[in-house]
Amino acid sequence: MTDRIVRSKYFHRFGEMIVPFSTWTIILLPLWLSPFHPAVVAYFIIAFDLYFLYKSLLTAYFASLSYTLIKNFENVPFYKNLKTLKTGFDINHFVIIPNYKEPLHKLEATLDAMRKTDYPYKKITVVLAFEKRETSAAEKAKKLNSLFGKYFHEIITTYHEIKENEVPGKASNQTYAAKIVDTLCEKNHFDSKKVIITICDSDSMLPPNYFSYLTLEFLKDRSRDYHFYWAPVLLYNNFWKLPFFVRMQATLSSILRLAFLSQKEHLIQISTYSTNLWLLKQIGFWDVDIIPEDWHIYFQAFFKFGDKVKTLPLYTIVNGDAVYSGGIIKTLVNRYEQEKRWAWGVTDIAYFWKNAFTTAHINWVLKFKKFIYLAETHLLWPTSFFILTISGSIPPLINPVFKRTVLGFILPQLSGFILTLATLMLILYIYLDIKLRQKLRVQTRLINVPLMLVQWYLLPVVSFVLSSLPALDAHTRLLLGKKIKYKVTEKV
């Protein structure tokens, strides 16, 4: 028994190291391979550059498609269509808002947006999921209940206390709150397959048609028992408060999330999403010993039910906050920590690796495709900057003989040309950014236009500091067996 535990431990550890080790191997490849096989390095860099160009074109295409679909769906009368269904209002909604030390005004704004829903309020219960260690939680709950209690069926308050086997964060808090919801539903004899749980970040502004749209899609979906539902959370709510470098990163994150929306084959929910209570019960709710929970809960369901599990798109927009801590330095530090926490999702690789070999009921081809997509996502994150910007110059510098070859001479120029082509996609991103902000009524003053154009010249620096570097930090910590702690992202 002891030998089996030891083998399992080493097997899991190997799964943790796969992608972080590959990350450093790729980043350092031009340094350690150029003295011996510079041509191999050159062809690898060119292939990587071309692949990045391909991914850039795909992102531009899917972001444009998603924007078009959102425009097409914005005038659909979801509530009116819902009224034509006999079971249109049989669904009970529970909205869990996990939070810890969030400013009261942020929670007020979130509930204020939610109260404007066109769905019958008596079918919506809000769950304020506090942490017991927050001393001001009870006072906040009392204030929010007095302000918004009349707009919903009920506002429930939960106080999660961290147990020995739990990691502080959304996952453990949500599981505690969802189990209380489950007990309440059993007491009221609610069918768990007709109870929708929405996980809503404390700064996520749900659009007025969200619950009508979600309910209609849910009822029309024949495989709804196994599905998640997601609308992109775009980071425009505090756009003009942000330092320009964070503003640019928020724009890129928003465009990428927009592009994910219409990629149905690979779509996995992020941040704010919905599913039914029955599915959550079947998979034991969220694992309480992990930090990034949105992709993880998807894979929990996947390893239970296989290809039945999907995330379906909702073509509307949830408006959220980007990191803002008041001062520039503090905002920069918090943005770095947030990206590192997101990149810690690389731990899902080990979870996938372990479960892939114990789920014979799931097709190996399907598992392989999911694994490749997961690994690719986390591998490109920290490596792209290095390969695209500096790697092309390394082989000719390290190997003088190679520098005198045709390939050695044209490699830096060719890499730069391919990167320039990929960078042209920014024109479309800027256009989409403007249109999305117009849709969300985030106006652009004329005085801000020159700075908005100039800021894109700093994209390489911003991408390195606020994306590649924190991701590399997370990978390195995992490679060395060091854990990270959940840090609440400050948004004042």
Protein backbone atom coordinates (compact mmCIF):
# COMPACT_ATOMS: atom_id res chain seq x y z
CA MET A 1 0.00 0.00 0.00
CA THR A 2 2.86 2.36 0.89
CA ASP A 3 4.64 1.63 -2.41
CA ARG A 4 1.45 2.45 -4.30
CA ILE A 5 1.12 5.78 -2.51
CA VAL A 6 4.75 6.63 -3.27
CA ARG A 7 4.32 5.72 -6.95
CA SER A 8 1.15 7.80 -7.12
CA LYS A 9 2.96 10.74 -5.55
CA TYR A 10 5.82 10.57 -8.07
CA PHE A 11 3.37 10.08 -10.93
CA HIS A 12 1.51 13.24 -9.86
CA ARG A 13 4.76 15.14 -9.46
CA PHE A 14 5.80 14.15 -12.97
CA GLY A 15 2.48 15.55 -14.23
CA GLU A 16 3.20 18.83 -12.44
CA MET A 17 6.60 19.14 -14.08
CA ILE A 18 5.67 18.33 -17.71
CA VAL A 19 4.73 21.81 -18.87
CA PRO A 20 7.01 23.92 -16.59
CA PHE A 21 10.02 21.85 -17.69
CA SER A 22 8.96 22.21 -21.35
CA THR A 23 8.58 25.96 -20.81
CA TRP A 24 12.19 26.40 -19.70
CA THR A 25 13.44 23.97 -22.35
CA ILE A 26 11.82 26.05 -25.11
CA ILE A 27 12.95 29.41 -23.70
CA LEU A 28 16.56 28.25 -23.34
CA LEU A 29 16.64 26.16 -26.53
CA PRO A 30 18.41 28.84 -28.64
CA LEU A 31 21.16 29.05 -26.00
CA TRP A 32 21.89 25.36 -25.49
CA LEU A 33 21.27 24.05 -29.01
CA SER A 34 22.66 26.85 -31.20
CA PRO A 35 26.35 25.87 -30.72
CA PHE A 36 25.63 22.40 -32.10
CA HIS A 37 22.57 22.58 -34.37
CA PRO A 38 21.81 26.24 -35.16
CA ALA A 39 19.76 25.33 -38.25
CA VAL A 40 17.43 23.20 -36.10
CA VAL A 41 16.97 26.17 -33.77
CA ALA A 42 16.30 28.48 -36.72
CA TYR A 43 13.65 26.21 -38.21
CA PHE A 44 12.03 25.83 -34.78
CA ILE A 45 11.86 29.62 -34.35
CA ILE A 46 10.41 30.11 -37.84
CA ALA A 47 7.84 27.36 -37.23
CA PHE A 48 6.91 28.91 -33.88
CA ASP A 49 6.59 32.36 -35.44
CA LEU A 50 4.34 31.01 -38.20
CA TYR A 51 2.23 29.16 -35.64
CA PHE A 52 1.88 32.37 -33.61
CA LEU A 53 0.80 34.20 -36.78
CA TYR A 54 -1.78 31.47 -37.38
CA LYS A 55 -3.06 31.80 -33.80
CA SER A 56 -3.22 35.59 -34.18
CA LEU A 57 -5.31 35.27 -37.33
CA LEU A 58 -7.63 32.80 -35.57
CA THR A 59 -8.02 35.13 -32.59
CA ALA A 60 -8.86 38.03 -34.89
CA TYR A 61 -11.40 35.92 -36.78
CA PHE A 62 -13.14 34.51 -33.71
CA ALA A 63 -13.14 37.86 -31.88
CA SER A 64 -14.86 39.43 -34.90
CA LEU A 65 -17.31 36.53 -35.13
CA SER A 66 -18.14 36.75 -31.42
CA TYR A 67 -18.71 40.50 -31.65
CA THR A 68 -21.02 40.00 -34.64
CA LEU A 69 -22.99 37.32 -32.79
CA ILE A 70 -23.31 39.52 -29.71
CA LYS A 71 -24.72 42.28 -31.91
CA ASN A 72 -27.15 39.83 -33.52
CA PHE A 73 -28.38 38.57 -30.15
CA GLU A 74 -28.71 41.91 -28.36
CA ASN A 75 -32.25 42.53 -29.64
CA VAL A 76 -33.58 39.00 -29.13
CA PRO A 77 -36.59 39.15 -26.76
CA PHE A 78 -35.47 36.36 -24.44
CA TYR A 79 -38.02 37.14 -21.73
CA LYS A 80 -40.86 37.26 -24.26
CA ASN A 81 -39.74 33.95 -25.77
CA LEU A 82 -39.46 32.47 -22.31
CA LYS A 83 -43.08 33.29 -21.55
CA THR A 84 -44.18 31.10 -24.47
CA LEU A 85 -42.74 28.01 -22.73
CA LYS A 86 -44.89 26.16 -20.20
CA THR A 87 -41.89 25.58 -17.97
CA GLY A 88 -40.37 28.99 -18.64
CA PHE A 89 -40.37 30.07 -15.01
CA ASP A 90 -39.95 26.74 -13.25
CA ILE A 91 -36.23 27.28 -12.85
CA ASN A 92 -34.86 28.51 -9.53
CA HIS A 93 -31.70 30.59 -9.72
CA PHE A 94 -29.08 30.84 -6.99
CA VAL A 95 -26.31 33.38 -7.54
CA ILE A 96 -23.24 32.68 -5.41
CA ILE A 97 -20.98 35.72 -4.97
CA PRO A 98 -17.72 34.54 -3.35
CA ASN A 99 -15.86 37.44 -1.80
CA TYR A 100 -13.26 38.37 0.77
CA LYS A 101 -12.53 41.92 1.91
CA GLU A 102 -14.25 43.33 -1.16
CA PRO A 103 -15.19 47.04 -0.85
CA LEU A 104 -18.84 47.45 0.03
CA HIS A 105 -19.45 49.74 -2.93
CA LYS A 106 -18.28 46.98 -5.31
CA LEU A 107 -20.80 44.51 -3.92
CA GLU A 108 -23.49 47.18 -4.01
CA ALA A 109 -22.79 47.87 -7.70
CA THR A 110 -22.92 44.13 -8.51
CA LEU A 111 -26.28 43.66 -6.77
CA ASP A 112 -27.60 46.90 -8.25
CA ALA A 113 -26.87 45.59 -11.76
CA MET A 114 -28.47 42.25 -10.88
CA ARG A 115 -31.68 43.80 -9.55
CA LYS A 116 -32.36 45.28 -13.01
CA THR A 117 -32.96 41.81 -14.43
CA ASP A 118 -36.07 41.21 -16.50
CA TYR A 119 -36.44 37.71 -14.98
CA PRO A 120 -38.99 37.28 -12.12
CA TYR A 121 -37.10 38.29 -8.97
CA LYS A 122 -38.93 35.73 -6.83
CA LYS A 123 -37.01 33.04 -8.70
CA ILE A 124 -33.59 34.52 -7.88
CA THR A 125 -31.80 33.95 -4.59
CA VAL A 126 -28.50 35.73 -3.92
CA VAL A 127 -25.88 33.97 -1.82
CA LEU A 128 -23.29 36.30 -0.32
CA ALA A 129 -20.44 33.88 0.31
CA PHE A 130 -18.17 35.54 2.86
CA GLU A 131 -15.11 34.19 4.65
CA LYS A 132 -15.54 33.84 8.40
CA ARG A 133 -12.12 35.39 9.00
CA GLU A 134 -13.34 38.73 7.57
CA THR A 135 -14.39 40.72 10.61
CA SER A 136 -16.58 43.19 8.70
CA ALA A 137 -18.53 40.53 6.78
CA ALA A 138 -21.63 40.52 9.00
CA GLU A 139 -21.90 44.30 8.83
CA LYS A 140 -21.64 44.22 5.02
CA ALA A 141 -24.27 41.48 4.83
CA LYS A 142 -26.70 43.51 6.95
CA LYS A 143 -26.19 46.62 4.82
CA LEU A 144 -26.62 44.76 1.51
CA ASN A 145 -29.71 42.96 2.74
CA SER A 146 -31.34 46.22 3.77
CA LEU A 147 -30.57 47.80 0.40
CA PHE A 148 -31.37 44.94 -1.97
CA GLY A 149 -33.33 42.28 -0.09
CA LYS A 150 -36.63 43.40 -1.59
CA TYR A 151 -35.36 42.90 -5.15
CA PHE A 152 -34.77 39.14 -4.84
CA HIS A 153 -36.53 36.14 -3.40
CA GLU A 154 -33.95 36.11 -0.63
CA ILE A 155 -30.39 37.11 0.19
CA ILE A 156 -28.58 34.31 2.02
CA THR A 157 -25.32 34.92 3.84
CA THR A 158 -22.71 32.18 4.34
CA TYR A 159 -19.49 32.37 6.33
CA HIS A 160 -16.86 29.89 5.19
CA GLU A 161 -14.27 28.75 7.70
CA ILE A 162 -11.12 27.27 6.18
CA LYS A 163 -10.49 23.68 7.20
CA GLU A 164 -7.21 21.81 7.42
CA ASN A 165 -7.45 20.22 3.95
CA GLU A 166 -8.63 23.38 2.21
CA VAL A 167 -6.84 26.13 0.28
CA PRO A 168 -8.16 29.69 0.75
CA GLY A 169 -9.88 30.95 -2.40
CA LYS A 170 -12.98 30.79 -4.52
CA ALA A 171 -13.16 26.99 -4.79
CA SER A 172 -13.40 26.18 -1.10
CA ASN A 173 -15.73 29.13 -0.45
CA GLN A 174 -18.05 28.20 -3.32
CA THR A 175 -18.24 24.57 -2.25
CA TYR A 176 -19.24 25.59 1.27
CA ALA A 177 -21.92 27.97 -0.06
CA ALA A 178 -23.21 25.51 -2.68
CA LYS A 179 -23.67 22.78 -0.07
CA ILE A 180 -25.80 25.16 1.98
CA VAL A 181 -27.83 25.90 -1.15
CA ASP A 182 -28.21 22.16 -1.73
CA THR A 183 -29.54 21.65 1.80
CA LEU A 184 -32.00 24.50 1.29
CA CYS A 185 -33.18 23.04 -2.03
CA GLU A 186 -33.72 19.62 -0.48
CA LYS A 187 -35.71 21.21 2.33
CA ASN A 188 -37.94 22.97 -0.22
CA HIS A 189 -38.14 19.87 -2.46
CA PHE A 190 -36.57 21.63 -5.44
CA ASP A 191 -35.49 19.39 -8.31
CA SER A 192 -31.69 19.80 -8.47
CA LYS A 193 -31.87 19.53 -12.26
CA LYS A 194 -34.07 22.63 -12.28
CA VAL A 195 -31.81 24.68 -10.04
CA ILE A 196 -29.21 26.83 -11.79
CA ILE A 197 -26.16 27.96 -9.84
CA THR A 198 -24.41 31.05 -11.15
CA ILE A 199 -20.95 31.86 -9.86
CA CYS A 200 -20.65 35.64 -10.01
CA ASP A 201 -17.47 37.50 -9.16
CA SER A 202 -18.00 40.40 -6.78
CA ASP A 203 -17.32 42.94 -9.55
CA SER A 204 -19.23 41.22 -12.38
CA MET A 205 -22.10 43.28 -13.77
CA LEU A 206 -24.61 40.84 -15.21
CA PRO A 207 -26.65 42.32 -18.08
CA PRO A 208 -30.42 42.75 -17.51
CA ASN A 209 -31.27 39.89 -19.90
CA TYR A 210 -28.75 37.44 -18.40
CA PHE A 211 -31.19 35.23 -16.46
CA SER A 212 -33.83 35.21 -19.20
CA TYR A 213 -31.20 34.36 -21.82
CA LEU A 214 -29.60 31.72 -19.61
CA THR A 215 -32.93 30.13 -18.68
CA LEU A 216 -34.12 30.00 -22.28
CA GLU A 217 -30.88 28.39 -23.46
CA PHE A 218 -30.98 25.97 -20.55
CA LEU A 219 -34.54 24.84 -21.28
CA LYS A 220 -33.87 24.46 -25.01
CA ASP A 221 -30.72 22.43 -24.34
CA ARG A 222 -31.48 18.69 -24.42
CA SER A 223 -28.16 17.88 -22.74
CA ARG A 224 -28.39 20.65 -20.15
CA ASP A 225 -27.60 18.31 -17.25
CA TYR A 226 -23.96 18.17 -18.36
CA HIS A 227 -23.36 21.72 -19.53
CA PHE A 228 -21.85 24.96 -18.27
CA TYR A 229 -22.94 28.33 -19.66
CA TRP A 230 -20.67 31.32 -20.06
CA ALA A 231 -20.76 34.91 -21.27
CA PRO A 232 -17.41 36.71 -21.58
CA VAL A 233 -16.37 38.92 -18.67
CA LEU A 234 -14.83 41.99 -20.31
CA LEU A 235 -12.69 44.27 -18.16
CA TYR A 236 -14.12 47.69 -18.99
CA ASN A 237 -16.03 48.68 -15.87
CA ASN A 238 -13.21 50.82 -14.42
CA PHE A 239 -11.37 51.38 -17.71
CA TRP A 240 -10.46 55.07 -17.36
CA LYS A 241 -9.26 54.70 -13.77
CA LEU A 242 -6.51 52.31 -14.85
CA PRO A 243 -2.87 53.22 -15.50
CA PHE A 244 -2.36 52.95 -19.25
CA PHE A 245 -0.22 49.78 -19.07
CA VAL A 246 -2.90 47.93 -17.10
CA ARG A 247 -5.55 49.38 -19.40
CA MET A 248 -3.77 47.89 -22.42
CA GLN A 249 -3.45 44.49 -20.73
CA ALA A 250 -7.14 44.62 -19.77
CA THR A 251 -8.03 45.35 -23.40
CA LEU A 252 -6.02 42.38 -24.66
CA SER A 253 -7.55 40.08 -22.02
CA SER A 254 -11.02 41.24 -23.02
CA ILE A 255 -10.38 40.62 -26.73
CA LEU A 256 -8.99 37.14 -26.01
CA ARG A 257 -12.05 36.27 -23.92
CA LEU A 258 -14.26 37.58 -26.70
CA ALA A 259 -12.44 35.30 -29.14
CA PHE A 260 -12.92 32.27 -26.86
CA LEU A 261 -16.69 32.73 -26.94
CA SER A 262 -17.27 31.49 -30.48
CA GLN A 263 -14.71 28.64 -30.31
CA LYS A 264 -17.32 26.13 -29.22
CA GLU A 265 -15.04 23.13 -29.61
CA HIS A 266 -12.55 24.46 -27.04
CA LEU A 267 -14.75 26.74 -24.95
CA ILE A 268 -14.21 26.49 -21.18
CA GLN A 269 -15.76 28.96 -18.78
CA ILE A 270 -13.79 31.70 -17.02
CA SER A 271 -14.56 33.69 -13.88
CA THR A 272 -18.37 34.09 -13.95
CA TYR A 273 -20.48 31.17 -15.22
CA SER A 274 -23.56 29.01 -14.63
CA THR A 275 -24.48 25.33 -14.38
CA ASN A 276 -27.10 23.19 -12.65
CA LEU A 277 -27.03 21.95 -9.08
CA TRP A 278 -27.37 18.30 -10.10
CA LEU A 279 -24.10 18.34 -12.03
CA LEU A 280 -22.26 20.02 -9.16
CA LYS A 281 -23.54 17.36 -6.76
CA GLN A 282 -22.51 14.55 -9.10
CA ILE A 283 -18.89 15.73 -9.11
CA GLY A 284 -18.74 16.63 -5.42
CA PHE A 285 -18.79 20.40 -6.02
CA TRP A 286 -15.44 22.23 -6.40
CA ASP A 287 -12.26 20.58 -5.18
CA VAL A 288 -11.33 22.55 -2.06
CA ASP A 289 -7.55 22.14 -2.33
CA ILE A 290 -6.99 24.10 -5.55
CA ILE A 291 -6.74 27.81 -6.45
CA PRO A 292 -7.90 28.32 -10.09
CA GLU A 293 -11.38 26.74 -10.08
CA ASP A 294 -13.14 27.62 -13.35
CA TRP A 295 -11.26 25.29 -15.73
CA HIS A 296 -10.76 22.78 -12.94
CA ILE A 297 -14.48 22.28 -12.31
CA TYR A 298 -14.90 21.70 -16.06
CA PHE A 299 -12.31 18.90 -15.97
CA GLN A 300 -13.88 17.45 -12.83
CA ALA A 301 -17.09 17.07 -14.82
CA PHE A 302 -15.24 15.89 -17.93
CA PHE A 303 -13.59 12.98 -16.12
CA LYS A 304 -16.97 11.95 -14.73
CA PHE A 305 -19.10 12.23 -17.87
CA GLY A 306 -16.68 12.50 -20.81
CA ASP A 307 -17.78 14.13 -24.04
CA LYS A 308 -21.22 14.97 -22.64
CA VAL A 309 -19.61 17.88 -20.80
CA LYS A 310 -19.46 21.17 -22.69
CA THR A 311 -19.46 24.89 -22.06
CA LEU A 312 -22.08 26.66 -24.15
CA PRO A 313 -21.71 30.32 -25.14
CA LEU A 314 -24.08 33.10 -24.14
CA TYR A 315 -23.73 35.92 -26.66
CA THR A 316 -23.96 38.82 -24.27
CA ILE A 317 -21.41 40.75 -22.18
CA VAL A 318 -20.65 40.67 -18.48
CA ASN A 319 -18.81 43.85 -17.56
CA GLY A 320 -16.10 43.52 -14.92
CA ASP A 321 -13.25 45.40 -13.27
CA ALA A 322 -9.59 45.19 -14.12
CA VAL A 323 -7.05 45.39 -11.30
CA TYR A 324 -6.85 48.86 -9.77
CA SER A 325 -5.34 49.55 -6.35
CA GLY A 326 -5.18 53.34 -6.44
CA GLY A 327 -1.44 53.90 -6.90
CA ILE A 328 0.52 52.89 -9.99
CA ILE A 329 3.10 50.68 -8.24
CA LYS A 330 0.52 48.93 -6.09
CA THR A 331 -1.69 48.35 -9.14
CA LEU A 332 1.26 46.92 -11.07
CA VAL A 333 2.14 44.54 -8.23
CA ASN A 334 -1.46 43.36 -7.84
CA ARG A 335 -1.84 42.88 -11.59
CA TYR A 336 1.32 40.77 -11.62
CA GLU A 337 0.00 38.65 -8.75
CA GLN A 338 -3.35 38.19 -10.48
CA GLU A 339 -1.71 36.98 -13.68
CA LYS A 340 0.50 34.62 -11.67
CA ARG A 341 -2.59 33.20 -9.97
CA TRP A 342 -4.30 32.69 -13.33
CA ALA A 343 -1.16 31.02 -14.70
CA TRP A 344 -1.19 28.71 -11.68
CA GLY A 345 -3.91 26.94 -13.64
CA VAL A 346 -0.96 24.98 -15.07
CA THR A 347 -1.59 22.74 -12.04
CA ASP A 348 -4.59 21.40 -13.98
CA ILE A 349 -2.06 19.55 -16.15
CA ALA A 350 -1.15 17.27 -13.24
CA TYR A 351 -4.83 16.75 -12.42
CA PHE A 352 -5.53 15.86 -16.05
CA TRP A 353 -2.45 13.63 -16.28
CA LYS A 354 -3.46 11.65 -13.21
CA ASN A 355 -7.11 11.20 -14.19
CA ALA A 356 -6.41 10.40 -17.84
CA PHE A 357 -5.10 6.98 -16.83
CA THR A 358 -7.98 6.10 -14.49
CA THR A 359 -10.95 6.92 -16.74
CA ALA A 360 -11.23 4.05 -19.18
CA HIS A 361 -14.82 5.01 -19.99
CA ILE A 362 -13.61 8.13 -21.84
CA ASN A 363 -12.20 7.85 -25.36
CA TRP A 364 -8.41 8.23 -25.47
CA VAL A 365 -8.53 10.40 -28.60
CA LEU A 366 -10.83 12.85 -26.83
CA LYS A 367 -8.60 12.93 -23.75
CA PHE A 368 -5.53 13.47 -25.91
CA LYS A 369 -7.17 16.44 -27.69
CA LYS A 370 -8.18 18.01 -24.38
CA PHE A 371 -4.71 17.48 -22.95
CA ILE A 372 -2.99 19.05 -25.96
CA TYR A 373 -5.28 22.09 -25.81
CA LEU A 374 -4.69 22.50 -22.08
CA ALA A 375 -0.91 22.06 -22.40
CA GLU A 376 -0.70 24.37 -25.43
CA THR A 377 -2.58 27.14 -23.62
CA HIS A 378 -0.23 27.08 -20.65
CA LEU A 379 2.89 26.53 -22.74
CA LEU A 380 2.38 29.49 -25.08
CA TRP A 381 1.66 31.83 -22.17
CA PRO A 382 5.21 32.21 -20.78
CA THR A 383 7.22 31.23 -23.88
CA SER A 384 5.77 33.35 -26.69
CA PHE A 385 7.45 36.61 -25.71
CA PHE A 386 10.95 35.09 -25.67
CA ILE A 387 10.64 33.18 -28.95
CA LEU A 388 9.01 36.07 -30.79
CA THR A 389 11.29 38.89 -29.63
CA ILE A 390 14.83 37.75 -28.84
CA SER A 391 15.29 34.13 -29.89
CA GLY A 392 15.77 34.95 -33.58
CA SER A 393 18.91 36.94 -32.79
CA ILE A 394 20.57 34.32 -30.60
CA PRO A 395 21.76 31.60 -33.06
CA PRO A 396 23.81 34.01 -35.25
CA LEU A 397 25.33 35.59 -32.12
CA ILE A 398 26.29 32.32 -30.45
CA ASN A 399 27.44 30.53 -33.58
CA PRO A 400 29.55 32.85 -35.83
CA VAL A 401 29.78 30.19 -38.54
CA PHE A 402 25.99 29.97 -38.78
CA LYS A 403 25.84 33.76 -39.03
CA ARG A 404 27.59 33.59 -42.40
CA THR A 405 24.98 31.20 -43.84
CA VAL A 406 21.92 32.40 -45.72
CA LEU A 407 19.59 31.05 -43.02
CA GLY A 408 21.64 32.66 -40.26
CA PHE A 409 21.55 36.00 -42.07
CA ILE A 410 17.83 36.09 -42.79
CA LEU A 411 16.59 34.53 -39.52
CA PRO A 412 16.28 37.80 -37.51
CA GLN A 413 14.71 39.62 -40.48
CA LEU A 414 12.30 36.79 -41.22
CA SER A 415 11.27 36.49 -37.56
CA GLY A 416 10.72 40.25 -37.40
CA PHE A 417 8.64 40.20 -40.58
CA ILE A 418 6.36 37.40 -39.33
CA LEU A 419 5.94 39.18 -35.99
CA THR A 420 5.04 42.39 -37.84
CA LEU A 421 2.32 40.54 -39.74
CA ALA A 422 0.93 39.19 -36.47
CA THR A 423 1.09 42.67 -34.94
CA LEU A 424 -1.14 44.01 -37.72
CA MET A 425 -4.00 42.19 -35.97
CA LEU A 426 -3.78 44.93 -33.35
CA ILE A 427 -5.59 47.24 -35.78
CA LEU A 428 -8.61 45.00 -35.53
CA TYR A 429 -8.22 44.66 -31.76
CA ILE A 430 -8.20 48.45 -31.39
CA TYR A 431 -11.36 48.70 -33.51
CA LEU A 432 -13.11 46.01 -31.45
CA ASP A 433 -11.96 47.69 -28.26
CA ILE A 434 -13.60 50.96 -29.34
CA LYS A 435 -16.84 49.25 -30.41
CA LEU A 436 -17.07 47.22 -27.20
CA ARG A 437 -16.57 50.28 -25.04
CA GLN A 438 -19.25 52.09 -27.01
CA LYS A 439 -21.62 49.18 -26.39
CA LEU A 440 -20.85 49.30 -22.66
CA ARG A 441 -21.08 53.12 -22.63
CA VAL A 442 -17.45 53.61 -21.70
CA GLN A 443 -16.82 56.78 -23.66
CA THR A 444 -13.46 57.93 -25.04
CA ARG A 445 -12.62 61.58 -24.57
CA LEU A 446 -10.78 63.24 -27.45
CA ILE A 447 -7.84 64.09 -25.19
CA ASN A 448 -7.24 60.37 -24.54
CA VAL A 449 -7.00 59.32 -28.21
CA PRO A 450 -3.27 60.14 -28.76
CA LEU A 451 -2.20 58.24 -25.62
CA MET A 452 -4.34 55.25 -26.61
CA LEU A 453 -2.50 55.03 -29.93
CA VAL A 454 0.97 55.56 -28.43
CA GLN A 455 0.47 52.98 -25.67
CA TRP A 456 0.47 50.09 -28.16
CA TYR A 457 4.14 50.77 -28.92
CA LEU A 458 4.84 49.59 -25.38
CA LEU A 459 3.03 46.30 -25.95
CA PRO A 460 6.21 44.12 -25.84
CA VAL A 461 7.22 45.55 -22.46
CA VAL A 462 3.72 45.29 -21.02
CA SER A 463 3.28 41.75 -22.33
CA PHE A 464 6.56 40.71 -20.73
CA VAL A 465 5.97 42.33 -17.33
CA LEU A 466 2.26 41.59 -16.93
CA SER A 467 1.89 38.29 -18.81
CA SER A 468 4.99 36.26 -19.69
CA LEU A 469 6.98 37.00 -16.53
CA PRO A 470 4.23 36.18 -13.98
CA ALA A 471 3.35 33.05 -15.96
CA LEU A 472 7.02 32.03 -15.95
CA ASP A 473 7.08 32.75 -12.21
CA ALA A 474 4.15 30.37 -11.67
CA HIS A 475 5.70 27.65 -13.83
CA THR A 476 9.05 27.94 -12.07
CA ARG A 477 7.47 27.71 -8.63
CA LEU A 478 5.59 24.59 -9.68
CA LEU A 479 8.75 23.09 -11.21
CA LEU A 480 10.60 23.65 -7.92
CA GLY A 481 7.72 22.31 -5.86
CA LYS A 482 6.83 25.66 -4.31
CA LYS A 483 3.19 26.59 -3.88
CA ILE A 484 1.56 29.99 -4.19
CA LYS A 485 -0.99 31.50 -1.84
CA TYR A 486 -4.31 32.90 -2.95
CA LYS A 487 -4.16 36.69 -2.85
CA VAL A 488 -7.33 38.69 -3.31
CA THR A 489 -7.05 41.04 -6.28
CA GLU A 490 -7.59 44.56 -5.01
CA LYS A 491 -10.11 46.64 -6.94
CA VAL A 492 -10.90 49.93 -5.30
